[in-house]
């Protein structure tokens, strides 16, 4: 669960002038400097996607055009999905599938199409996911997130925890899951029906 944040108005909004896209890629001794790269990340834009009885806020953080972090929050500002792309190396987590790693692919029938667009500006690429999450990729993502200065520490640690511990809805106690995420569904349903409805709702969002 994340710290509450101000909810943007409906529709796409650009949060910065994109000046980070023109900065030099930070390196240290010929290697990518994750700490400096993280400090250089800034919020680029945000958007709102309407779902059944809910709204999902999408936030986009980036550096140049090759490092991008996308975060999806529900109407109570719980993070339900996050996708980090560092020069084509992807680490993704969502509340349904848990954590996955992979690489961005330009084309090919064997590649899983994970394109998900919330506007004409915020889009994900096609990704070839690994059979099992790669620890080194997750560690790299952790290093970048730790250095990001645009987040307060509790929110930042929540993002890191999602990558490291990979919480999933099907591993949570249904009552606890509904306490956190079930605020926009009908209270007339039984707990089991209530839980299943939300799983279906998130699945439709993430499986497009």
C-alpha atoms as a PDB file:
ATOM      1  CA  UNK A   1       0.000   0.000   0.000  1.00  0.00           C
ATOM      2  CA  UNK A   2       1.296   3.444  -0.798  1.00  0.00           C
ATOM      3  CA  UNK A   3       1.124   6.897   0.694  1.00  0.00           C
ATOM      4  CA  UNK A   4      -1.862   8.909  -0.451  1.00  0.00           C
ATOM      5  CA  UNK A   5      -1.122  11.352  -3.235  1.00  0.00           C
ATOM      6  CA  UNK A   6      -3.084  14.147  -4.879  1.00  0.00           C
ATOM      7  CA  UNK A   7      -5.404  12.731  -7.530  1.00  0.00           C
ATOM      8  CA  UNK A   8      -4.996  14.394 -10.920  1.00  0.00           C
ATOM      9  CA  UNK A   9      -7.936  15.683 -12.919  1.00  0.00           C
ATOM     10  CA  UNK A  10      -9.354  13.368 -15.543  1.00  0.00           C
ATOM     11  CA  UNK A  11      -7.455  13.028 -18.789  1.00  0.00           C
ATOM     12  CA  UNK A  12      -3.844  13.151 -19.921  1.00  0.00           C
ATOM     13  CA  UNK A  13      -1.573  15.748 -18.313  1.00  0.00           C
ATOM     14  CA  UNK A  14       2.095  16.423 -18.976  1.00  0.00           C
ATOM     15  CA  UNK A  15       3.945  16.893 -15.685  1.00  0.00           C
ATOM     16  CA  UNK A  16       7.236  18.268 -17.068  1.00  0.00           C
ATOM     17  CA  UNK A  17       8.754  19.797 -20.168  1.00  0.00           C
ATOM     18  CA  UNK A  18      10.638  16.562 -20.899  1.00  0.00           C
ATOM     19  CA  UNK A  19      14.033  18.181 -20.318  1.00  0.00           C
ATOM     20  CA  UNK A  20      15.400  14.907 -18.890  1.00  0.00           C
ATOM     21  CA  UNK A  21      15.210  13.452 -22.419  1.00  0.00           C
ATOM     22  CA  UNK A  22      18.071  15.746 -23.445  1.00  0.00           C
ATOM     23  CA  UNK A  23      20.440  14.946 -20.587  1.00  0.00           C
ATOM     24  CA  UNK A  24      23.589  12.859 -20.940  1.00  0.00           C
ATOM     25  CA  UNK A  25      23.325   9.225 -19.790  1.00  0.00           C
ATOM     26  CA  UNK A  26      25.189   8.993 -16.433  1.00  0.00           C
ATOM     27  CA  UNK A  27      28.004   6.473 -16.294  1.00  0.00           C
ATOM     28  CA  UNK A  28      30.692   5.526 -13.797  1.00  0.00           C
ATOM     29  CA  UNK A  29      33.898   3.929 -15.042  1.00  0.00           C
ATOM     30  CA  UNK A  30      32.207   2.838 -18.247  1.00  0.00           C
ATOM     31  CA  UNK A  31      29.258   1.284 -16.378  1.00  0.00           C
ATOM     32  CA  UNK A  32      25.744   2.646 -16.005  1.00  0.00           C
ATOM     33  CA  UNK A  33      25.532   4.795 -12.876  1.00  0.00           C
ATOM     34  CA  UNK A  34      22.203   3.681 -11.414  1.00  0.00           C
ATOM     35  CA  UNK A  35      22.377   6.115  -8.509  1.00  0.00           C
ATOM     36  CA  UNK A  36      22.832   9.141 -10.745  1.00  0.00           C
ATOM     37  CA  UNK A  37      20.309   7.780 -13.222  1.00  0.00           C
ATOM     38  CA  UNK A  38      17.729   7.399 -10.457  1.00  0.00           C
ATOM     39  CA  UNK A  39      18.331  10.939  -9.241  1.00  0.00           C
ATOM     40  CA  UNK A  40      17.787  12.188 -12.800  1.00  0.00           C
ATOM     41  CA  UNK A  41      14.341  10.578 -13.155  1.00  0.00           C
ATOM     42  CA  UNK A  42      11.409  12.993 -13.211  1.00  0.00           C
ATOM     43  CA  UNK A  43       7.669  12.748 -13.633  1.00  0.00           C
ATOM     44  CA  UNK A  44       6.800  13.173 -17.307  1.00  0.00           C
ATOM     45  CA  UNK A  45       3.022  12.771 -17.385  1.00  0.00           C
ATOM     46  CA  UNK A  46      -0.040  11.223 -15.787  1.00  0.00           C
ATOM     47  CA  UNK A  47      -3.393   9.981 -17.010  1.00  0.00           C
ATOM     48  CA  UNK A  48      -6.637   8.475 -15.703  1.00  0.00           C
ATOM     49  CA  UNK A  49      -8.247   5.281 -17.022  1.00  0.00           C
ATOM     50  CA  UNK A  50     -11.891   4.635 -16.117  1.00  0.00           C
ATOM     51  CA  UNK A  51     -12.902   1.062 -15.271  1.00  0.00           C
ATOM     52  CA  UNK A  52     -16.054  -0.433 -13.760  1.00  0.00           C
ATOM     53  CA  UNK A  53     -16.859   1.677 -10.682  1.00  0.00           C
ATOM     54  CA  UNK A  54     -13.222   2.680 -10.378  1.00  0.00           C
ATOM     55  CA  UNK A  55     -10.570   4.935 -11.827  1.00  0.00           C
ATOM     56  CA  UNK A  56      -6.920   4.056 -12.337  1.00  0.00           C
ATOM     57  CA  UNK A  57      -4.229   6.724 -12.286  1.00  0.00           C
ATOM     58  CA  UNK A  58      -1.187   6.116 -14.484  1.00  0.00           C
ATOM     59  CA  UNK A  59       2.038   7.983 -13.758  1.00  0.00           C
ATOM     60  CA  UNK A  60       5.028   8.097 -16.090  1.00  0.00           C
ATOM     61  CA  UNK A  61       8.563   8.847 -14.897  1.00  0.00           C
ATOM     62  CA  UNK A  62      11.525   8.898 -17.244  1.00  0.00           C
ATOM     63  CA  UNK A  63      15.034   9.825 -18.236  1.00  0.00           C
ATOM     64  CA  UNK A  64      15.791  10.372 -21.907  1.00  0.00           C
ATOM     65  CA  UNK A  65      13.728   7.958 -24.015  1.00  0.00           C
ATOM     66  CA  UNK A  66      15.360   4.743 -22.785  1.00  0.00           C
ATOM     67  CA  UNK A  67      14.525   4.633 -19.066  1.00  0.00           C
ATOM     68  CA  UNK A  68      10.844   4.688 -18.119  1.00  0.00           C
ATOM     69  CA  UNK A  69       8.839   3.839 -15.029  1.00  0.00           C
ATOM     70  CA  UNK A  70       5.055   3.530 -15.209  1.00  0.00           C
ATOM     71  CA  UNK A  71       2.921   3.225 -12.087  1.00  0.00           C
ATOM     72  CA  UNK A  72      -0.788   2.405 -11.906  1.00  0.00           C
ATOM     73  CA  UNK A  73      -2.720   3.416  -8.766  1.00  0.00           C
ATOM     74  CA  UNK A  74      -6.327   2.710  -7.865  1.00  0.00           C
ATOM     75  CA  UNK A  75      -8.683   5.391  -6.564  1.00  0.00           C
ATOM     76  CA  UNK A  76      -7.248   4.973  -3.048  1.00  0.00           C
ATOM     77  CA  UNK A  77      -3.696   5.370  -4.367  1.00  0.00           C
ATOM     78  CA  UNK A  78      -2.775   1.722  -3.836  1.00  0.00           C
ATOM     79  CA  UNK A  79      -0.181   0.708  -6.411  1.00  0.00           C
ATOM     80  CA  UNK A  80      -1.670  -2.120  -8.489  1.00  0.00           C
ATOM     81  CA  UNK A  81       0.922  -2.280 -11.268  1.00  0.00           C
ATOM     82  CA  UNK A  82       4.427  -0.967 -11.975  1.00  0.00           C
ATOM     83  CA  UNK A  83       6.588  -1.376 -15.078  1.00  0.00           C
ATOM     84  CA  UNK A  84      10.252  -0.323 -15.239  1.00  0.00           C
ATOM     85  CA  UNK A  85      12.227  -0.336 -18.485  1.00  0.00           C
ATOM     86  CA  UNK A  86      15.984   0.346 -18.222  1.00  0.00           C
ATOM     87  CA  UNK A  87      17.417   0.420 -21.740  1.00  0.00           C
ATOM     88  CA  UNK A  88      15.190  -2.472 -22.822  1.00  0.00           C
ATOM     89  CA  UNK A  89      15.505  -4.549 -19.630  1.00  0.00           C
ATOM     90  CA  UNK A  90      12.014  -4.781 -18.132  1.00  0.00           C
ATOM     91  CA  UNK A  91      10.920  -5.519 -14.582  1.00  0.00           C
ATOM     92  CA  UNK A  92       7.152  -5.568 -14.105  1.00  0.00           C
ATOM     93  CA  UNK A  93       4.873  -6.292 -11.162  1.00  0.00           C
ATOM     94  CA  UNK A  94       1.114  -6.312 -10.798  1.00  0.00           C
ATOM     95  CA  UNK A  95      -1.219  -7.517  -8.087  1.00  0.00           C
ATOM     96  CA  UNK A  96      -2.519 -10.395 -10.247  1.00  0.00           C
ATOM     97  CA  UNK A  97       0.665 -11.879 -11.757  1.00  0.00           C
ATOM     98  CA  UNK A  98       3.374 -10.800  -9.312  1.00  0.00           C
ATOM     99  CA  UNK A  99       6.847  -9.871 -10.590  1.00  0.00           C
ATOM    100  CA  UNK A 100       8.205 -10.694 -14.057  1.00  0.00           C
ATOM    101  CA  UNK A 101      11.353  -9.752 -15.947  1.00  0.00           C
ATOM    102  CA  UNK A 102      12.019  -9.604 -19.664  1.00  0.00           C
ATOM    103  CA  UNK A 103      13.284  -7.515 -22.555  1.00  0.00           C
ATOM    104  CA  UNK A 104      11.682  -5.156 -25.033  1.00  0.00           C
ATOM    105  CA  UNK A 105      11.232  -6.634 -28.495  1.00  0.00           C
ATOM    106  CA  UNK A 106      10.528  -4.790 -31.720  1.00  0.00           C
ATOM    107  CA  UNK A 107       8.746  -7.539 -33.598  1.00  0.00           C
ATOM    108  CA  UNK A 108       8.232 -11.290 -33.968  1.00  0.00           C
ATOM    109  CA  UNK A 109       5.297 -13.648 -33.585  1.00  0.00           C
ATOM    110  CA  UNK A 110       6.849 -15.335 -30.538  1.00  0.00           C
ATOM    111  CA  UNK A 111       6.835 -12.105 -28.555  1.00  0.00           C
ATOM    112  CA  UNK A 112       4.075 -11.448 -26.058  1.00  0.00           C
ATOM    113  CA  UNK A 113       2.206  -8.279 -26.887  1.00  0.00           C
ATOM    114  CA  UNK A 114       2.039  -6.333 -23.642  1.00  0.00           C
ATOM    115  CA  UNK A 115       1.097  -3.052 -25.264  1.00  0.00           C
ATOM    116  CA  UNK A 116      -1.120  -1.117 -22.904  1.00  0.00           C
ATOM    117  CA  UNK A 117      -2.051   2.445 -23.787  1.00  0.00           C
ATOM    118  CA  UNK A 118      -3.700   4.905 -21.432  1.00  0.00           C
ATOM    119  CA  UNK A 119      -3.404   7.763 -23.916  1.00  0.00           C
ATOM    120  CA  UNK A 120      -1.603   8.724 -27.090  1.00  0.00           C
ATOM    121  CA  UNK A 121       1.471   9.521 -24.978  1.00  0.00           C
ATOM    122  CA  UNK A 122       1.683   6.771 -22.329  1.00  0.00           C
ATOM    123  CA  UNK A 123       2.305   3.365 -23.894  1.00  0.00           C
ATOM    124  CA  UNK A 124       4.125   0.138 -23.110  1.00  0.00           C
ATOM    125  CA  UNK A 125       6.145  -1.860 -25.583  1.00  0.00           C
ATOM    126  CA  UNK A 126       6.101  -5.500 -26.660  1.00  0.00           C
ATOM    127  CA  UNK A 127       8.017  -7.558 -24.115  1.00  0.00           C
ATOM    128  CA  UNK A 128       9.494 -11.051 -24.219  1.00  0.00           C
ATOM    129  CA  UNK A 129       9.202 -12.234 -20.629  1.00  0.00           C
ATOM    130  CA  UNK A 130      11.597 -14.677 -18.972  1.00  0.00           C
ATOM    131  CA  UNK A 131      10.292 -18.047 -17.815  1.00  0.00           C
ATOM    132  CA  UNK A 132      11.403 -17.102 -14.300  1.00  0.00           C
ATOM    133  CA  UNK A 133      12.241 -13.642 -12.913  1.00  0.00           C
ATOM    134  CA  UNK A 134      15.936 -12.767 -13.257  1.00  0.00           C
ATOM    135  CA  UNK A 135      17.414 -11.711  -9.904  1.00  0.00           C
ATOM    136  CA  UNK A 136      20.027  -9.403 -11.469  1.00  0.00           C
ATOM    137  CA  UNK A 137      17.319  -7.438 -13.308  1.00  0.00           C
ATOM    138  CA  UNK A 138      15.320  -7.018 -10.097  1.00  0.00           C
ATOM    139  CA  UNK A 139      18.445  -5.906  -8.253  1.00  0.00           C
ATOM    140  CA  UNK A 140      19.132  -3.303 -10.943  1.00  0.00           C
ATOM    141  CA  UNK A 141      15.559  -2.028 -10.649  1.00  0.00           C
ATOM    142  CA  UNK A 142      15.952  -1.796  -6.876  1.00  0.00           C
ATOM    143  CA  UNK A 143      19.128   0.270  -7.256  1.00  0.00           C
ATOM    144  CA  UNK A 144      17.444   2.753  -9.558  1.00  0.00           C
ATOM    145  CA  UNK A 145      14.331   3.089  -7.395  1.00  0.00           C
ATOM    146  CA  UNK A 146      16.407   3.641  -4.258  1.00  0.00           C
ATOM    147  CA  UNK A 147      18.067   6.651  -5.890  1.00  0.00           C
ATOM    148  CA  UNK A 148      14.892   8.278  -7.199  1.00  0.00           C
ATOM    149  CA  UNK A 149      14.278  11.563  -5.394  1.00  0.00           C
ATOM    150  CA  UNK A 150      10.769  12.227  -6.723  1.00  0.00           C
ATOM    151  CA  UNK A 151       9.232   9.783  -4.202  1.00  0.00           C
ATOM    152  CA  UNK A 152       8.955   9.962  -0.440  1.00  0.00           C
ATOM    153  CA  UNK A 153      10.631   7.019   1.286  1.00  0.00           C
ATOM    154  CA  UNK A 154       7.479   5.042   2.300  1.00  0.00           C
ATOM    155  CA  UNK A 155       6.148   5.157  -1.260  1.00  0.00           C
ATOM    156  CA  UNK A 156       9.557   4.258  -2.700  1.00  0.00           C
ATOM    157  CA  UNK A 157       9.973   1.301  -0.348  1.00  0.00           C
ATOM    158  CA  UNK A 158       6.511   0.069  -1.319  1.00  0.00           C
ATOM    159  CA  UNK A 159       7.579  -0.038  -4.978  1.00  0.00           C
ATOM    160  CA  UNK A 160      10.783  -1.867  -4.085  1.00  0.00           C
ATOM    161  CA  UNK A 161       8.865  -4.336  -1.906  1.00  0.00           C
ATOM    162  CA  UNK A 162       6.587  -5.150  -4.845  1.00  0.00           C
ATOM    163  CA  UNK A 163       9.611  -6.097  -6.957  1.00  0.00           C
ATOM    164  CA  UNK A 164      11.424  -8.006  -4.203  1.00  0.00           C
ATOM    165  CA  UNK A 165       8.552  -9.823  -2.452  1.00  0.00           C
ATOM    166  CA  UNK A 166       6.134 -10.018  -5.398  1.00  0.00           C
ATOM    167  CA  UNK A 167       2.815  -9.917  -3.484  1.00  0.00           C
ATOM    168  CA  UNK A 168      -0.117 -11.403  -5.418  1.00  0.00           C
ATOM    169  CA  UNK A 169      -3.864 -11.336  -4.907  1.00  0.00           C
ATOM    170  CA  UNK A 170      -4.192 -15.133  -4.918  1.00  0.00           C
ATOM    171  CA  UNK A 171      -1.694 -15.368  -2.034  1.00  0.00           C
ATOM    172  CA  UNK A 172      -3.483 -12.810   0.138  1.00  0.00           C
ATOM    173  CA  UNK A 173      -6.227 -13.471   2.634  1.00  0.00           C
ATOM    174  CA  UNK A 174      -9.425 -12.516   0.759  1.00  0.00           C
ATOM    175  CA  UNK A 175     -10.606 -10.315   3.622  1.00  0.00           C
ATOM    176  CA  UNK A 176      -7.306  -8.438   3.664  1.00  0.00           C
ATOM    177  CA  UNK A 177      -7.342  -8.095  -0.117  1.00  0.00           C
ATOM    178  CA  UNK A 178     -10.875  -6.689  -0.050  1.00  0.00           C
ATOM    179  CA  UNK A 179     -10.001  -4.323   2.809  1.00  0.00           C
ATOM    180  CA  UNK A 180      -7.278  -2.779   0.655  1.00  0.00           C
ATOM    181  CA  UNK A 181      -8.697  -3.018  -2.861  1.00  0.00           C
ATOM    182  CA  UNK A 182     -12.418  -3.686  -2.639  1.00  0.00           C
ATOM    183  CA  UNK A 183     -13.710  -0.178  -2.013  1.00  0.00           C
ATOM    184  CA  UNK A 184     -15.506   0.295  -5.338  1.00  0.00           C
ATOM    185  CA  UNK A 185     -17.514  -2.907  -5.609  1.00  0.00           C
ATOM    186  CA  UNK A 186     -21.005  -3.615  -4.363  1.00  0.00           C
ATOM    187  CA  UNK A 187     -21.162  -4.463  -0.658  1.00  0.00           C
ATOM    188  CA  UNK A 188     -24.191  -6.659  -1.333  1.00  0.00           C
ATOM    189  CA  UNK A 189     -21.998  -9.432  -2.738  1.00  0.00           C
ATOM    190  CA  UNK A 190     -20.554 -12.216  -0.613  1.00  0.00           C
ATOM    191  CA  UNK A 191     -16.848 -12.020   0.197  1.00  0.00           C
ATOM    192  CA  UNK A 192     -15.994 -14.777  -2.282  1.00  0.00           C
ATOM    193  CA  UNK A 193     -18.020 -13.224  -5.106  1.00  0.00           C
ATOM    194  CA  UNK A 194     -16.646  -9.783  -4.205  1.00  0.00           C
ATOM    195  CA  UNK A 195     -13.064 -11.093  -4.341  1.00  0.00           C
ATOM    196  CA  UNK A 196     -13.560 -12.877  -7.671  1.00  0.00           C
ATOM    197  CA  UNK A 197     -15.098  -9.794  -9.261  1.00  0.00           C
ATOM    198  CA  UNK A 198     -12.067  -7.730  -8.404  1.00  0.00           C
ATOM    199  CA  UNK A 199      -9.673 -10.376  -9.716  1.00  0.00           C
ATOM    200  CA  UNK A 200     -11.582 -10.326 -13.015  1.00  0.00           C
ATOM    201  CA  UNK A 201     -11.536  -6.520 -13.090  1.00  0.00           C
ATOM    202  CA  UNK A 202      -7.762  -6.294 -12.625  1.00  0.00           C
ATOM    203  CA  UNK A 203      -7.162  -9.166 -15.021  1.00  0.00           C
ATOM    204  CA  UNK A 204      -8.987  -7.319 -17.796  1.00  0.00           C
ATOM    205  CA  UNK A 205      -6.887  -4.239 -17.120  1.00  0.00           C
ATOM    206  CA  UNK A 206      -3.543  -6.075 -17.185  1.00  0.00           C
ATOM    207  CA  UNK A 207      -4.224  -8.654 -19.905  1.00  0.00           C
ATOM    208  CA  UNK A 208      -5.138  -6.297 -22.724  1.00  0.00           C
END
